[in-house]
Amino acid sequence: MMNFQGSHILSVSQLDREAIARILDISANMAPYAARQKRCTVLEGAILSNLFFEPSTRTRVSFGSAFNLLGGYVRETVGQENSSLSKGESLFDTAQVISGYSDVIAMRHPQMHSVEKFAKGSTVPVINGGDGANEHPTQALLDLFTIQSEMMHFHKGLDNLDIVLMGDLKHGRTVHSLSKLLSLYNNVKVTMVSPTALQMPDSVVSALEDSGHQVIITDTMAGNLSCDVIYQTRIQQERFASKDEADLYRGHFSLNKSIYQQYCRENTVIMHPLPRDSRPEANELDSDLNDLDSLAIFRQAQNGILVRMALFALTLGVEDQLTQYEKEVNWHTNKR
């Protein structure tokens, strides 16, 4: 069993099925705290440094909210221009300083492998919130938690999963990390729907195939969307040389209710890491899907709180102490 306490969480490659099962179990235990049904102060006095050197809303806020829900304090730095990195300070030096102020650090950075470099200088656990087009391990874990939760309604699990990954698979770090996690399970069928120029990197495809899974690569939606889960991604404009280049591919794989009803199974679950691009020229997930019970994108986003709470508890070694630090909830919320 992986010893989480004091460890960095940098890549899904660190995790085996046993470690993932532990994270998902602890995540499920966080539900009453995230729903404000119980209050927990197990991390009272602890400090999270939330370092986001690339734009983020959901990931940044959910990291901070997760830490707050465990009783801790959050200090944020947003944008490289607001940090000493803009003055030429190295990631190692920044890590040496900030880790002295913190108990744990969550970090996003636009350059691949940058969080790993940063972690080498840190004296406290570092959790990767996304490093360029490389990885997004906490997103992959919350995606896996979501798939598991959604499949339970159909008496299915993570083994024998039939999933479609669609959109910008070349630059989408979320699908890179998720694919690596799926390779640990049994008899998974992965259909990859994307423009030829934006196909999944060969290394990710090979990892799935080498694990014995069926991989189908196609640039056609028709006939390829009958599955348990569709995981849609947006065109990652920030990874292209220009907006004009990104526009060449925008809107080619839009999913709306008509396409869903024509090609998908009746209960195919729809996922997306968000933000979805709702501009008419993109519109990868149409708003006419909003009334479908199978649209799981907002449940998926809420699950990020649970998973990040679990990772904080595990890396700081308090996952078995939660109930010792519970307090009676003395305010009311309709949050569910």
Protein backbone atom coordinates (compact mmCIF):
# COMPACT_ATOMS: atom_id res chain seq x y z
CA MET A 1 0.00 0.00 0.00
CA MET A 2 1.33 3.42 -0.97
CA ASN A 3 2.31 5.62 1.96
CA PHE A 4 0.51 8.86 1.12
CA GLN A 5 1.59 10.90 4.16
CA GLY A 6 4.23 13.42 3.17
CA SER A 7 4.19 12.32 -0.48
CA HIS A 8 3.84 14.49 -3.56
CA ILE A 9 0.95 13.72 -5.92
CA LEU A 10 2.49 14.57 -9.30
CA SER A 11 1.36 11.88 -11.72
CA VAL A 12 -1.23 9.15 -12.00
CA SER A 13 1.73 6.86 -12.77
CA GLN A 14 2.45 6.83 -9.02
CA LEU A 15 -0.83 5.04 -8.34
CA ASP A 16 -1.82 1.40 -8.53
CA ARG A 17 -5.33 0.00 -8.18
CA GLU A 18 -4.96 -0.38 -4.41
CA ALA A 19 -3.91 3.25 -3.96
CA ILE A 20 -6.71 4.46 -6.24
CA ALA A 21 -9.29 2.40 -4.33
CA ARG A 22 -8.06 4.02 -1.10
CA ILE A 23 -8.42 7.53 -2.58
CA LEU A 24 -11.90 6.80 -3.94
CA ASP A 25 -13.05 5.31 -0.62
CA ILE A 26 -11.82 8.33 1.35
CA SER A 27 -13.42 10.62 -1.25
CA ALA A 28 -16.79 8.97 -0.66
CA ASN A 29 -16.33 9.50 3.09
CA MET A 30 -15.97 13.24 2.45
CA ALA A 31 -19.52 13.59 1.08
CA PRO A 32 -21.24 14.74 4.31
CA TYR A 33 -18.58 17.41 4.88
CA ALA A 34 -18.78 18.70 1.29
CA ALA A 35 -22.58 18.79 1.60
CA ARG A 36 -22.26 20.79 4.85
CA GLN A 37 -24.13 18.06 6.75
CA LYS A 38 -21.12 17.72 9.03
CA ARG A 39 -18.34 20.14 9.87
CA CYS A 40 -14.71 19.08 10.24
CA THR A 41 -11.72 20.98 11.65
CA VAL A 42 -9.11 18.24 11.36
CA LEU A 43 -6.73 20.62 9.53
CA GLU A 44 -7.34 23.61 11.79
CA GLY A 45 -4.23 25.79 11.71
CA ALA A 46 -2.80 24.15 8.59
CA ILE A 47 -1.95 26.28 5.54
CA LEU A 48 -2.41 25.47 1.86
CA SER A 49 -0.46 27.54 -0.63
CA ASN A 50 -2.53 27.53 -3.82
CA LEU A 51 -0.12 28.50 -6.60
CA PHE A 52 -1.88 28.85 -9.95
CA PHE A 53 0.46 30.21 -12.61
CA GLU A 54 -2.05 29.45 -15.38
CA PRO A 55 -5.71 30.54 -15.56
CA SER A 56 -8.11 28.34 -13.60
CA THR A 57 -11.46 28.69 -11.92
CA ARG A 58 -12.83 25.28 -10.95
CA THR A 59 -9.56 23.58 -10.04
CA ARG A 60 -8.20 26.53 -8.07
CA VAL A 61 -11.42 27.24 -6.17
CA SER A 62 -12.11 23.57 -5.47
CA PHE A 63 -8.61 23.03 -4.04
CA GLY A 64 -9.16 26.01 -1.75
CA SER A 65 -12.70 25.01 -0.81
CA ALA A 66 -11.61 21.43 -0.09
CA PHE A 67 -8.91 22.66 2.30
CA ASN A 68 -11.30 25.09 3.98
CA LEU A 69 -13.86 22.32 4.49
CA LEU A 70 -11.24 20.40 6.48
CA GLY A 71 -10.64 23.44 8.66
CA GLY A 72 -7.46 24.78 7.05
CA TYR A 73 -6.38 28.19 5.75
CA VAL A 74 -5.64 29.02 2.11
CA ARG A 75 -3.10 31.46 0.68
CA GLU A 76 -3.25 32.08 -3.07
CA THR A 77 -0.95 33.31 -5.81
CA VAL A 78 -2.60 33.67 -9.22
CA GLY A 79 -0.60 34.36 -12.39
CA GLN A 80 3.17 34.28 -12.97
CA GLU A 81 3.17 38.06 -13.33
CA ASN A 82 2.14 38.30 -9.67
CA SER A 83 4.97 36.10 -8.45
CA SER A 84 8.74 36.25 -8.19
CA LEU A 85 8.94 33.89 -11.18
CA SER A 86 8.43 37.05 -13.25
CA LYS A 87 11.67 38.37 -11.72
CA GLY A 88 13.63 35.31 -12.83
CA GLU A 89 13.34 33.22 -9.68
CA SER A 90 13.64 29.48 -10.37
CA LEU A 91 10.91 26.98 -9.54
CA PHE A 92 13.31 25.33 -7.07
CA ASP A 93 13.93 28.58 -5.18
CA THR A 94 10.24 29.44 -5.16
CA ALA A 95 9.49 26.00 -3.74
CA GLN A 96 12.12 26.32 -1.02
CA VAL A 97 10.59 29.58 0.16
CA ILE A 98 6.86 28.82 -0.19
CA SER A 99 7.12 25.39 1.42
CA GLY A 100 8.53 27.11 4.47
CA TYR A 101 5.25 29.00 4.76
CA SER A 102 2.98 26.02 4.08
CA ASP A 103 1.87 22.56 5.13
CA VAL A 104 0.91 21.53 1.60
CA ILE A 105 1.04 23.15 -1.86
CA ALA A 106 -1.29 22.83 -4.85
CA MET A 107 0.24 24.08 -8.07
CA ARG A 108 -0.68 24.64 -11.72
CA HIS A 109 1.86 25.76 -14.30
CA PRO A 110 1.74 26.05 -18.13
CA GLN A 111 5.00 24.16 -18.76
CA MET A 112 5.10 20.37 -18.90
CA HIS A 113 6.90 18.71 -15.94
CA SER A 114 7.21 22.07 -14.17
CA VAL A 115 5.36 20.90 -11.05
CA GLU A 116 7.77 17.98 -10.74
CA LYS A 117 10.70 20.41 -10.90
CA PHE A 118 9.02 22.58 -8.28
CA ALA A 119 8.43 19.59 -5.99
CA LYS A 120 12.17 18.83 -5.89
CA GLY A 121 12.62 22.09 -3.99
CA SER A 122 9.66 21.68 -1.65
CA THR A 123 9.85 20.41 1.91
CA VAL A 124 6.08 19.75 2.07
CA PRO A 125 3.74 17.70 -0.15
CA VAL A 126 2.99 19.17 -3.58
CA ILE A 127 -0.17 18.26 -5.51
CA ASN A 128 -0.14 18.76 -9.27
CA GLY A 129 -3.08 20.90 -10.41
CA GLY A 130 -2.05 20.60 -14.07
CA ASP A 131 1.28 21.08 -15.84
CA GLY A 132 0.83 22.18 -19.42
CA ALA A 133 -0.39 19.43 -21.75
CA ASN A 134 1.24 16.78 -19.58
CA GLU A 135 -0.97 15.64 -16.70
CA HIS A 136 -3.83 16.60 -14.42
CA PRO A 137 -3.88 13.80 -11.84
CA THR A 138 -6.55 15.18 -9.51
CA GLN A 139 -8.90 15.70 -12.47
CA ALA A 140 -8.30 12.11 -13.57
CA LEU A 141 -9.09 10.86 -10.08
CA LEU A 142 -12.30 12.89 -9.83
CA ASP A 143 -13.21 11.65 -13.32
CA LEU A 144 -12.66 8.06 -12.20
CA PHE A 145 -14.70 8.70 -9.04
CA THR A 146 -17.48 10.13 -11.22
CA ILE A 147 -17.45 7.17 -13.61
CA GLN A 148 -17.59 4.76 -10.67
CA SER A 149 -20.45 6.70 -9.06
CA GLU A 150 -22.44 6.95 -12.30
CA MET A 151 -21.92 3.29 -13.24
CA MET A 152 -23.20 2.14 -9.83
CA HIS A 153 -26.70 3.14 -10.99
CA PHE A 154 -26.42 0.47 -13.69
CA HIS A 155 -24.72 -2.14 -11.45
CA LYS A 156 -21.45 -1.68 -13.32
CA GLY A 157 -17.95 -0.75 -12.22
CA LEU A 158 -14.67 0.41 -13.72
CA ASP A 159 -13.87 -2.99 -15.20
CA ASN A 160 -15.58 -3.82 -18.53
CA LEU A 161 -16.11 -0.12 -19.22
CA ASP A 162 -16.97 1.13 -22.72
CA ILE A 163 -15.88 4.78 -22.96
CA VAL A 164 -15.57 7.35 -25.74
CA LEU A 165 -12.97 10.14 -25.47
CA MET A 166 -13.80 12.94 -27.90
CA GLY A 167 -12.35 16.29 -28.95
CA ASP A 168 -8.82 17.64 -28.59
CA LEU A 169 -7.09 14.47 -27.42
CA LYS A 170 -3.60 15.71 -28.35
CA HIS A 171 -3.54 18.64 -25.94
CA GLY A 172 -6.14 17.52 -23.39
CA ARG A 173 -4.13 16.59 -20.29
CA THR A 174 -7.30 15.37 -18.57
CA VAL A 175 -7.77 12.54 -21.08
CA HIS A 176 -4.06 11.68 -20.94
CA SER A 177 -4.21 11.12 -17.20
CA LEU A 178 -7.60 9.38 -17.29
CA SER A 179 -6.40 6.96 -19.96
CA LYS A 180 -3.42 6.01 -17.82
CA LEU A 181 -5.72 5.25 -14.89
CA LEU A 182 -8.13 3.26 -17.07
CA SER A 183 -5.23 1.07 -18.21
CA LEU A 184 -5.13 -0.37 -14.66
CA TYR A 185 -8.61 -1.88 -15.00
CA ASN A 186 -9.85 -4.93 -16.89
CA ASN A 187 -11.41 -5.24 -20.34
CA VAL A 188 -11.83 -1.53 -21.09
CA LYS A 189 -12.87 -0.42 -24.57
CA VAL A 190 -11.70 3.11 -25.44
CA THR A 191 -12.93 4.82 -28.59
CA MET A 192 -10.97 7.97 -29.42
CA VAL A 193 -12.89 10.42 -31.63
CA SER A 194 -10.87 13.42 -32.80
CA PRO A 195 -9.52 15.24 -35.84
CA THR A 196 -6.54 13.35 -37.23
CA ALA A 197 -4.21 16.21 -36.26
CA LEU A 198 -5.47 16.14 -32.66
CA GLN A 199 -5.27 12.41 -31.98
CA MET A 200 -4.19 11.00 -28.64
CA PRO A 201 -0.39 10.78 -28.23
CA ASP A 202 1.00 7.39 -29.23
CA SER A 203 2.42 6.80 -25.77
CA VAL A 204 -1.05 7.00 -24.20
CA VAL A 205 -2.56 4.70 -26.84
CA SER A 206 0.29 2.21 -26.33
CA ALA A 207 -0.22 2.18 -22.56
CA LEU A 208 -3.84 1.12 -23.05
CA GLU A 209 -3.06 -1.44 -25.76
CA ASP A 210 -0.13 -2.92 -23.82
CA SER A 211 -2.54 -3.44 -20.91
CA GLY A 212 -4.75 -5.53 -23.18
CA HIS A 213 -7.50 -2.99 -23.83
CA GLN A 214 -9.31 -2.38 -27.10
CA VAL A 215 -8.57 1.04 -28.61
CA ILE A 216 -10.44 2.43 -31.61
CA ILE A 217 -9.13 5.62 -33.25
CA THR A 218 -11.54 7.46 -35.53
CA ASP A 219 -12.49 10.92 -36.79
CA THR A 220 -16.20 10.07 -37.12
CA MET A 221 -18.95 10.37 -34.52
CA ALA A 222 -21.56 8.38 -36.46
CA GLY A 223 -21.59 4.79 -35.30
CA ASN A 224 -18.98 5.35 -32.58
CA LEU A 225 -20.91 6.89 -29.67
CA SER A 226 -22.84 3.86 -28.35
CA CYS A 227 -21.06 3.45 -25.01
CA ASP A 228 -21.29 3.71 -21.22
CA VAL A 229 -19.57 7.12 -21.01
CA ILE A 230 -18.75 9.92 -23.43
CA TYR A 231 -15.94 12.15 -22.18
CA GLN A 232 -15.97 15.32 -24.27
CA THR A 233 -13.15 17.88 -24.27
CA ARG A 234 -12.85 21.38 -25.69
CA ILE A 235 -10.32 22.57 -28.25
CA GLN A 236 -7.40 23.68 -26.08
CA GLN A 237 -6.81 27.05 -27.76
CA GLU A 238 -4.10 27.99 -25.27
CA ARG A 239 -1.96 25.08 -26.53
CA PHE A 240 -2.07 26.19 -30.18
CA ALA A 241 0.30 28.61 -31.89
CA SER A 242 -2.61 30.92 -32.70
CA LYS A 243 -6.37 31.29 -32.41
CA ASP A 244 -6.64 30.83 -36.18
CA GLU A 245 -5.02 27.41 -35.91
CA ALA A 246 -7.38 26.39 -33.11
CA ASP A 247 -10.34 27.63 -35.15
CA LEU A 248 -9.53 25.03 -37.82
CA TYR A 249 -10.83 22.34 -35.46
CA ARG A 250 -13.38 24.16 -33.36
CA GLY A 251 -16.95 22.87 -33.47
CA HIS A 252 -16.25 19.69 -35.48
CA PHE A 253 -17.34 17.32 -32.71
CA SER A 254 -20.26 19.10 -31.08
CA LEU A 255 -22.67 16.93 -29.12
CA ASN A 256 -26.32 17.97 -28.93
CA LYS A 257 -29.55 16.19 -28.03
CA SER A 258 -30.28 15.18 -31.62
CA ILE A 259 -26.87 13.51 -32.06
CA TYR A 260 -27.16 11.97 -28.59
CA GLN A 261 -30.54 10.42 -29.35
CA GLN A 262 -29.37 9.21 -32.75
CA TYR A 263 -26.03 7.62 -31.85
CA CYS A 264 -25.78 7.10 -28.07
CA ARG A 265 -27.31 4.53 -25.78
CA GLU A 266 -30.37 5.62 -23.82
CA ASN A 267 -28.36 6.14 -20.61
CA THR A 268 -24.91 7.04 -21.95
CA VAL A 269 -23.30 9.27 -19.32
CA ILE A 270 -21.91 12.58 -20.60
CA MET A 271 -18.80 13.98 -18.94
CA HIS A 272 -16.61 17.04 -19.58
CA PRO A 273 -13.80 18.50 -17.44
CA LEU A 274 -15.18 22.04 -17.93
CA PRO A 275 -15.23 24.78 -18.89
CA ARG A 276 -17.36 23.84 -21.87
CA ASP A 277 -17.03 26.33 -24.70
CA SER A 278 -20.62 27.50 -25.30
CA ARG A 279 -19.81 29.97 -28.07
CA PRO A 280 -21.79 29.15 -31.25
CA GLU A 281 -18.66 28.34 -33.25
CA ALA A 282 -17.57 25.76 -30.68
CA ASN A 283 -20.51 24.59 -28.56
CA GLU A 284 -19.00 21.15 -27.88
CA LEU A 285 -21.82 20.33 -25.45
CA ASP A 286 -25.10 22.00 -26.42
CA SER A 287 -27.29 23.52 -23.71
CA ASP A 288 -30.17 21.38 -25.01
CA LEU A 289 -28.48 18.52 -23.11
CA ASN A 290 -28.95 20.30 -19.78
CA ASP A 291 -32.22 18.57 -18.94
CA LEU A 292 -30.82 15.06 -19.44
CA ASP A 293 -30.24 13.06 -16.24
CA SER A 294 -27.25 11.51 -17.98
CA LEU A 295 -25.46 14.86 -18.22
CA ALA A 296 -23.01 14.41 -15.34
CA ILE A 297 -20.75 17.42 -15.90
CA PHE A 298 -21.88 19.35 -12.83
CA ARG A 299 -21.88 16.28 -10.56
CA GLN A 300 -18.39 15.67 -11.93
CA ALA A 301 -17.28 19.18 -10.93
CA GLN A 302 -18.68 18.76 -7.41
CA ASN A 303 -16.81 15.47 -7.06
CA GLY A 304 -13.59 17.46 -7.38
CA ILE A 305 -14.16 18.76 -3.86
CA LEU A 306 -14.44 15.22 -2.47
CA VAL A 307 -11.32 13.93 -4.20
CA ARG A 308 -9.19 16.93 -3.29
CA MET A 309 -10.36 16.74 0.33
CA ALA A 310 -9.30 13.09 0.31
CA LEU A 311 -5.86 13.89 -1.11
CA PHE A 312 -5.24 16.60 1.49
CA ALA A 313 -6.29 14.24 4.27
CA LEU A 314 -4.07 11.44 2.94
CA THR A 315 -0.95 13.52 2.25
CA LEU A 316 -1.21 15.14 5.69
CA GLY A 317 -1.99 11.82 7.40
CA VAL A 318 -5.36 12.69 8.96
CA GLU A 319 -7.69 10.50 6.91
CA ASP A 320 -8.52 8.29 9.93
CA GLN A 321 -9.04 11.23 12.31
CA LEU A 322 -11.94 13.03 10.65
CA THR A 323 -14.64 12.08 13.14
CA GLN A 324 -12.43 13.15 16.07
CA TYR A 325 -12.58 16.70 14.79
CA GLU A 326 -16.23 16.89 13.80
CA LYS A 327 -18.30 19.76 15.12
CA GLU A 328 -22.04 20.16 15.13
CA VAL A 329 -23.29 22.08 12.13
CA ASN A 330 -25.09 25.12 13.55
CA TRP A 331 -26.08 26.79 10.30
CA HIS A 332 -28.37 25.61 7.56
CA THR A 333 -27.74 25.20 3.86
CA ASN A 334 -29.71 23.69 1.04
CA LYS A 335 -26.52 22.44 -0.59
CA ARG A 336 -26.76 18.81 -1.63
